[in-house]
N, C-alpha and C. Protein backbone atom coordinates (compact mmCIF):
# COMPACT_ATOMS: atom_id res chain seq x y z
N GLN A 1 -16.53 -10.74 -8.24
CA GLN A 1 -15.47 -11.58 -7.66
C GLN A 1 -14.35 -10.68 -7.16
N VAL A 2 -14.11 -10.73 -5.87
CA VAL A 2 -13.06 -9.94 -5.24
C VAL A 2 -11.72 -10.66 -5.38
N GLN A 3 -10.72 -9.93 -5.83
CA GLN A 3 -9.40 -10.51 -5.99
C GLN A 3 -8.37 -9.95 -5.01
N LEU A 4 -8.43 -8.65 -4.74
CA LEU A 4 -7.56 -8.00 -3.77
C LEU A 4 -8.41 -7.19 -2.81
N VAL A 5 -8.26 -7.46 -1.53
CA VAL A 5 -9.05 -6.80 -0.51
C VAL A 5 -8.12 -5.99 0.39
N GLU A 6 -8.32 -4.68 0.40
CA GLU A 6 -7.50 -3.79 1.20
C GLU A 6 -8.21 -3.41 2.50
N SER A 7 -7.40 -3.11 3.50
CA SER A 7 -7.93 -2.62 4.77
C SER A 7 -6.85 -1.82 5.48
N GLY A 8 -7.25 -1.05 6.48
CA GLY A 8 -6.30 -0.36 7.34
C GLY A 8 -6.23 1.14 7.19
N GLY A 9 -6.92 1.71 6.22
CA GLY A 9 -6.89 3.15 6.05
C GLY A 9 -7.67 3.85 7.15
N GLY A 10 -7.55 5.17 7.18
CA GLY A 10 -8.26 5.94 8.18
C GLY A 10 -7.74 7.35 8.28
N LEU A 11 -8.19 8.03 9.32
CA LEU A 11 -7.81 9.41 9.61
C LEU A 11 -6.84 9.42 10.77
N VAL A 12 -5.68 10.04 10.57
CA VAL A 12 -4.66 10.12 11.62
C VAL A 12 -4.07 11.52 11.64
N PRO A 13 -3.59 11.96 12.80
CA PRO A 13 -2.92 13.26 12.87
C PRO A 13 -1.51 13.18 12.30
N PRO A 14 -0.93 14.31 11.92
CA PRO A 14 0.47 14.30 11.48
C PRO A 14 1.36 13.64 12.52
N GLY A 15 2.29 12.83 12.04
CA GLY A 15 3.16 12.09 12.92
C GLY A 15 2.63 10.73 13.33
N GLY A 16 1.39 10.45 12.98
CA GLY A 16 0.78 9.18 13.35
C GLY A 16 1.19 8.06 12.42
N SER A 17 0.61 6.89 12.68
CA SER A 17 0.95 5.68 11.94
C SER A 17 -0.30 4.93 11.52
N LEU A 18 -0.19 4.23 10.41
CA LEU A 18 -1.21 3.32 9.93
C LEU A 18 -0.54 2.12 9.31
N ARG A 19 -1.23 1.00 9.33
CA ARG A 19 -0.76 -0.21 8.69
C ARG A 19 -1.82 -0.69 7.71
N LEU A 20 -1.49 -0.71 6.44
CA LEU A 20 -2.38 -1.16 5.40
C LEU A 20 -2.12 -2.63 5.09
N SER A 21 -3.19 -3.34 4.77
CA SER A 21 -3.09 -4.73 4.37
C SER A 21 -3.79 -4.94 3.04
N CYS A 22 -3.28 -5.86 2.27
CA CYS A 22 -3.88 -6.22 1.00
C CYS A 22 -3.80 -7.73 0.87
N ALA A 23 -4.94 -8.39 0.89
CA ALA A 23 -5.00 -9.84 0.84
C ALA A 23 -5.46 -10.30 -0.53
N ALA A 24 -4.69 -11.17 -1.14
CA ALA A 24 -5.00 -11.69 -2.47
C ALA A 24 -5.86 -12.94 -2.36
N SER A 25 -6.90 -12.98 -3.18
CA SER A 25 -7.75 -14.16 -3.26
C SER A 25 -7.15 -15.19 -4.19
N ARG A 26 -7.85 -16.31 -4.33
CA ARG A 26 -7.39 -17.35 -5.24
C ARG A 26 -7.41 -16.92 -6.70
N GLY A 27 -8.09 -15.81 -6.97
CA GLY A 27 -8.10 -15.26 -8.32
C GLY A 27 -6.78 -14.64 -8.73
N ILE A 28 -5.90 -14.43 -7.78
CA ILE A 28 -4.56 -13.91 -8.04
C ILE A 28 -3.62 -15.08 -8.23
N PHE A 29 -2.95 -15.10 -9.36
CA PHE A 29 -2.08 -16.23 -9.68
C PHE A 29 -0.60 -15.93 -9.53
N SER A 30 -0.21 -14.69 -9.79
CA SER A 30 1.19 -14.32 -9.74
C SER A 30 1.42 -13.30 -8.64
N ILE A 31 2.33 -13.61 -7.72
CA ILE A 31 2.71 -12.66 -6.68
C ILE A 31 4.21 -12.38 -6.75
N ASN A 32 4.74 -12.42 -7.96
CA ASN A 32 6.16 -12.13 -8.15
C ASN A 32 6.52 -10.72 -7.71
N LEU A 33 5.58 -9.80 -7.91
CA LEU A 33 5.79 -8.41 -7.54
C LEU A 33 4.51 -7.86 -6.95
N MET A 34 4.61 -7.27 -5.78
CA MET A 34 3.47 -6.67 -5.11
C MET A 34 3.81 -5.23 -4.78
N SER A 35 2.87 -4.35 -5.06
CA SER A 35 3.17 -2.92 -4.97
C SER A 35 2.04 -2.17 -4.29
N TRP A 36 2.40 -1.03 -3.74
CA TRP A 36 1.44 -0.06 -3.24
C TRP A 36 1.59 1.22 -4.05
N TYR A 37 0.47 1.74 -4.52
CA TYR A 37 0.39 3.02 -5.18
C TYR A 37 -0.52 3.93 -4.38
N ARG A 38 -0.44 5.21 -4.67
CA ARG A 38 -1.38 6.14 -4.07
C ARG A 38 -1.76 7.21 -5.08
N GLN A 39 -2.94 7.77 -4.88
CA GLN A 39 -3.43 8.81 -5.76
C GLN A 39 -4.15 9.87 -4.94
N ALA A 40 -3.61 11.07 -4.98
CA ALA A 40 -4.23 12.21 -4.34
C ALA A 40 -5.17 12.90 -5.32
N PRO A 41 -6.16 13.63 -4.83
CA PRO A 41 -7.10 14.31 -5.73
C PRO A 41 -6.38 15.20 -6.74
N GLY A 42 -6.74 15.05 -8.01
CA GLY A 42 -6.17 15.86 -9.06
C GLY A 42 -4.76 15.48 -9.48
N LYS A 43 -4.23 14.41 -8.93
CA LYS A 43 -2.87 13.99 -9.25
C LYS A 43 -2.86 12.59 -9.83
N GLN A 44 -1.79 12.27 -10.52
CA GLN A 44 -1.64 10.94 -11.09
C GLN A 44 -1.32 9.92 -10.00
N ARG A 45 -1.71 8.69 -10.26
CA ARG A 45 -1.35 7.62 -9.36
C ARG A 45 0.16 7.40 -9.39
N GLU A 46 0.76 7.26 -8.22
CA GLU A 46 2.21 7.12 -8.14
C GLU A 46 2.59 5.88 -7.33
N LEU A 47 3.70 5.30 -7.71
CA LEU A 47 4.22 4.14 -7.00
C LEU A 47 4.82 4.57 -5.67
N VAL A 48 4.43 3.89 -4.61
CA VAL A 48 4.92 4.18 -3.27
C VAL A 48 6.00 3.19 -2.86
N ALA A 49 5.72 1.91 -3.03
CA ALA A 49 6.65 0.88 -2.60
C ALA A 49 6.32 -0.42 -3.31
N SER A 50 7.31 -1.27 -3.44
CA SER A 50 7.11 -2.57 -4.05
C SER A 50 8.00 -3.60 -3.37
N ILE A 51 7.58 -4.85 -3.48
CA ILE A 51 8.35 -5.94 -2.91
C ILE A 51 8.22 -7.16 -3.83
N THR A 52 9.33 -7.84 -4.04
CA THR A 52 9.32 -9.05 -4.84
C THR A 52 9.01 -10.25 -3.95
N TYR A 53 8.73 -11.37 -4.59
CA TYR A 53 8.46 -12.59 -3.85
C TYR A 53 9.63 -12.96 -2.95
N SER A 54 10.84 -12.67 -3.38
CA SER A 54 12.03 -12.99 -2.60
C SER A 54 12.32 -11.97 -1.51
N GLY A 55 11.58 -10.86 -1.49
CA GLY A 55 11.73 -9.89 -0.43
C GLY A 55 12.47 -8.62 -0.77
N ARG A 56 12.87 -8.46 -2.01
CA ARG A 56 13.54 -7.22 -2.41
C ARG A 56 12.54 -6.08 -2.44
N THR A 57 12.91 -4.95 -1.86
CA THR A 57 12.00 -3.82 -1.74
C THR A 57 12.53 -2.58 -2.43
N ASN A 58 11.61 -1.72 -2.82
CA ASN A 58 11.93 -0.40 -3.35
C ASN A 58 10.91 0.59 -2.83
N TYR A 59 11.34 1.84 -2.67
CA TYR A 59 10.49 2.88 -2.12
C TYR A 59 10.63 4.16 -2.92
N ALA A 60 9.53 4.90 -2.99
CA ALA A 60 9.61 6.25 -3.50
C ALA A 60 10.44 7.10 -2.54
N ASN A 61 11.16 8.06 -3.08
CA ASN A 61 11.98 8.92 -2.24
C ASN A 61 11.16 9.62 -1.15
N SER A 62 9.93 9.95 -1.47
CA SER A 62 9.11 10.71 -0.55
C SER A 62 8.72 9.93 0.70
N VAL A 63 8.81 8.59 0.65
CA VAL A 63 8.42 7.78 1.80
C VAL A 63 9.59 7.00 2.38
N GLN A 64 10.74 7.09 1.76
CA GLN A 64 11.92 6.37 2.23
C GLN A 64 12.21 6.69 3.69
N GLY A 65 12.38 5.65 4.47
CA GLY A 65 12.68 5.82 5.89
C GLY A 65 11.46 5.93 6.78
N ARG A 66 10.29 6.14 6.19
CA ARG A 66 9.06 6.27 6.97
C ARG A 66 8.11 5.10 6.75
N PHE A 67 8.09 4.57 5.53
CA PHE A 67 7.20 3.47 5.19
C PHE A 67 7.99 2.18 5.05
N THR A 68 7.35 1.07 5.37
CA THR A 68 7.96 -0.24 5.20
C THR A 68 6.96 -1.18 4.55
N ILE A 69 7.33 -1.75 3.43
CA ILE A 69 6.50 -2.75 2.77
C ILE A 69 6.99 -4.13 3.18
N SER A 70 6.06 -5.04 3.40
CA SER A 70 6.41 -6.40 3.75
C SER A 70 5.33 -7.32 3.20
N SER A 71 5.61 -8.61 3.21
CA SER A 71 4.66 -9.57 2.69
C SER A 71 4.70 -10.85 3.49
N ASP A 72 3.58 -11.53 3.48
CA ASP A 72 3.46 -12.85 4.06
C ASP A 72 3.01 -13.75 2.93
N ASN A 73 3.95 -14.43 2.32
CA ASN A 73 3.64 -15.22 1.13
C ASN A 73 2.66 -16.36 1.43
N ALA A 74 2.76 -16.93 2.62
CA ALA A 74 1.85 -18.01 2.99
C ALA A 74 0.41 -17.53 3.05
N LYS A 75 0.21 -16.26 3.39
CA LYS A 75 -1.12 -15.69 3.47
C LYS A 75 -1.50 -14.87 2.25
N ASN A 76 -0.59 -14.81 1.27
CA ASN A 76 -0.82 -14.01 0.06
C ASN A 76 -1.23 -12.59 0.41
N THR A 77 -0.51 -12.00 1.33
CA THR A 77 -0.85 -10.68 1.84
C THR A 77 0.36 -9.77 1.80
N VAL A 78 0.13 -8.53 1.39
CA VAL A 78 1.16 -7.52 1.40
C VAL A 78 0.73 -6.40 2.34
N TYR A 79 1.69 -5.84 3.07
CA TYR A 79 1.42 -4.82 4.06
C TYR A 79 2.20 -3.55 3.75
N LEU A 80 1.70 -2.45 4.24
CA LEU A 80 2.43 -1.20 4.19
C LEU A 80 2.32 -0.53 5.55
N GLN A 81 3.42 -0.54 6.28
CA GLN A 81 3.50 0.16 7.56
C GLN A 81 3.92 1.59 7.29
N MET A 82 3.10 2.54 7.70
CA MET A 82 3.33 3.95 7.45
C MET A 82 3.52 4.66 8.78
N ASN A 83 4.71 5.19 8.99
CA ASN A 83 5.03 5.93 10.19
C ASN A 83 5.34 7.38 9.85
N SER A 84 5.32 8.22 10.88
CA SER A 84 5.64 9.64 10.71
C SER A 84 4.87 10.25 9.56
N LEU A 85 3.58 10.00 9.54
CA LEU A 85 2.75 10.44 8.42
C LEU A 85 2.68 11.96 8.34
N LYS A 86 2.64 12.44 7.11
CA LYS A 86 2.56 13.86 6.82
C LYS A 86 1.28 14.15 6.06
N PRO A 87 0.80 15.40 6.11
CA PRO A 87 -0.40 15.73 5.34
C PRO A 87 -0.28 15.39 3.86
N GLU A 88 0.92 15.52 3.30
CA GLU A 88 1.10 15.21 1.89
C GLU A 88 1.01 13.72 1.58
N ASP A 89 0.93 12.88 2.60
CA ASP A 89 0.68 11.46 2.39
C ASP A 89 -0.80 11.16 2.16
N THR A 90 -1.64 12.16 2.34
CA THR A 90 -3.08 11.97 2.15
C THR A 90 -3.37 11.55 0.72
N ALA A 91 -4.05 10.43 0.56
CA ALA A 91 -4.34 9.89 -0.75
C ALA A 91 -5.17 8.63 -0.58
N VAL A 92 -5.69 8.13 -1.69
CA VAL A 92 -6.23 6.79 -1.72
C VAL A 92 -5.09 5.85 -2.07
N TYR A 93 -4.91 4.83 -1.27
CA TYR A 93 -3.83 3.88 -1.46
C TYR A 93 -4.38 2.59 -2.07
N TYR A 94 -3.68 2.13 -3.10
CA TYR A 94 -4.09 0.94 -3.83
C TYR A 94 -2.96 -0.09 -3.84
N CYS A 95 -3.29 -1.34 -3.59
CA CYS A 95 -2.32 -2.38 -3.85
C CYS A 95 -2.47 -2.85 -5.29
N TYR A 96 -1.40 -3.38 -5.83
CA TYR A 96 -1.36 -3.81 -7.22
C TYR A 96 -0.59 -5.11 -7.29
N VAL A 97 -1.28 -6.17 -7.65
CA VAL A 97 -0.70 -7.50 -7.69
C VAL A 97 -1.24 -8.23 -8.91
N ASP A 98 -0.36 -8.85 -9.66
CA ASP A 98 -0.77 -9.66 -10.82
C ASP A 98 -1.67 -8.85 -11.76
N ASN A 99 -1.26 -7.63 -12.04
CA ASN A 99 -1.98 -6.75 -12.96
C ASN A 99 -3.41 -6.47 -12.52
N ARG A 100 -3.65 -6.52 -11.24
CA ARG A 100 -4.96 -6.22 -10.68
C ARG A 100 -4.83 -5.21 -9.56
N TRP A 101 -5.85 -4.39 -9.42
CA TRP A 101 -5.86 -3.35 -8.41
C TRP A 101 -6.78 -3.71 -7.24
N GLY A 102 -6.33 -3.36 -6.05
CA GLY A 102 -7.22 -3.38 -4.92
C GLY A 102 -8.27 -2.29 -5.05
N GLN A 103 -9.25 -2.30 -4.16
CA GLN A 103 -10.36 -1.36 -4.26
C GLN A 103 -9.99 0.05 -3.80
N GLY A 104 -8.87 0.18 -3.14
CA GLY A 104 -8.42 1.46 -2.62
C GLY A 104 -8.88 1.67 -1.19
N THR A 105 -8.01 2.28 -0.40
CA THR A 105 -8.36 2.64 0.97
C THR A 105 -7.86 4.05 1.24
N GLN A 106 -8.73 4.87 1.82
CA GLN A 106 -8.42 6.28 2.04
C GLN A 106 -7.52 6.45 3.25
N VAL A 107 -6.45 7.20 3.06
CA VAL A 107 -5.57 7.62 4.15
C VAL A 107 -5.61 9.14 4.21
N THR A 108 -6.03 9.66 5.33
CA THR A 108 -6.10 11.11 5.52
C THR A 108 -5.26 11.49 6.72
N VAL A 109 -4.31 12.37 6.50
CA VAL A 109 -3.42 12.84 7.55
C VAL A 109 -3.76 14.31 7.81
N SER A 110 -4.37 14.57 8.94
CA SER A 110 -4.85 15.91 9.23
C SER A 110 -5.04 16.06 10.73
N SER A 111 -4.80 17.28 11.21
CA SER A 111 -5.06 17.59 12.60
C SER A 111 -6.46 18.11 12.80
């Protein structure tokens, strides 16, 4: 049973952009807080951005000003717009909603 479905990852050159989506199924009951995490090889998973149901957002310092998290509550979907991507943004990105993880989507920033 799929609960969170991610899409939008891919390979982009430095300076490029990607938009990630995470759609919650009916198996998700609480969307009070929706978050994006990422995990690079050999590193711990880290919080990238979060948004509350009311729209309050927070960002990791490393992505502040470049990434934007948003949500469409009617569609139970959270997005992550990533601009000015850097090689150090390369990681698997996971959404996290209602104590459940998305399947992960690979973002690779390389020339």
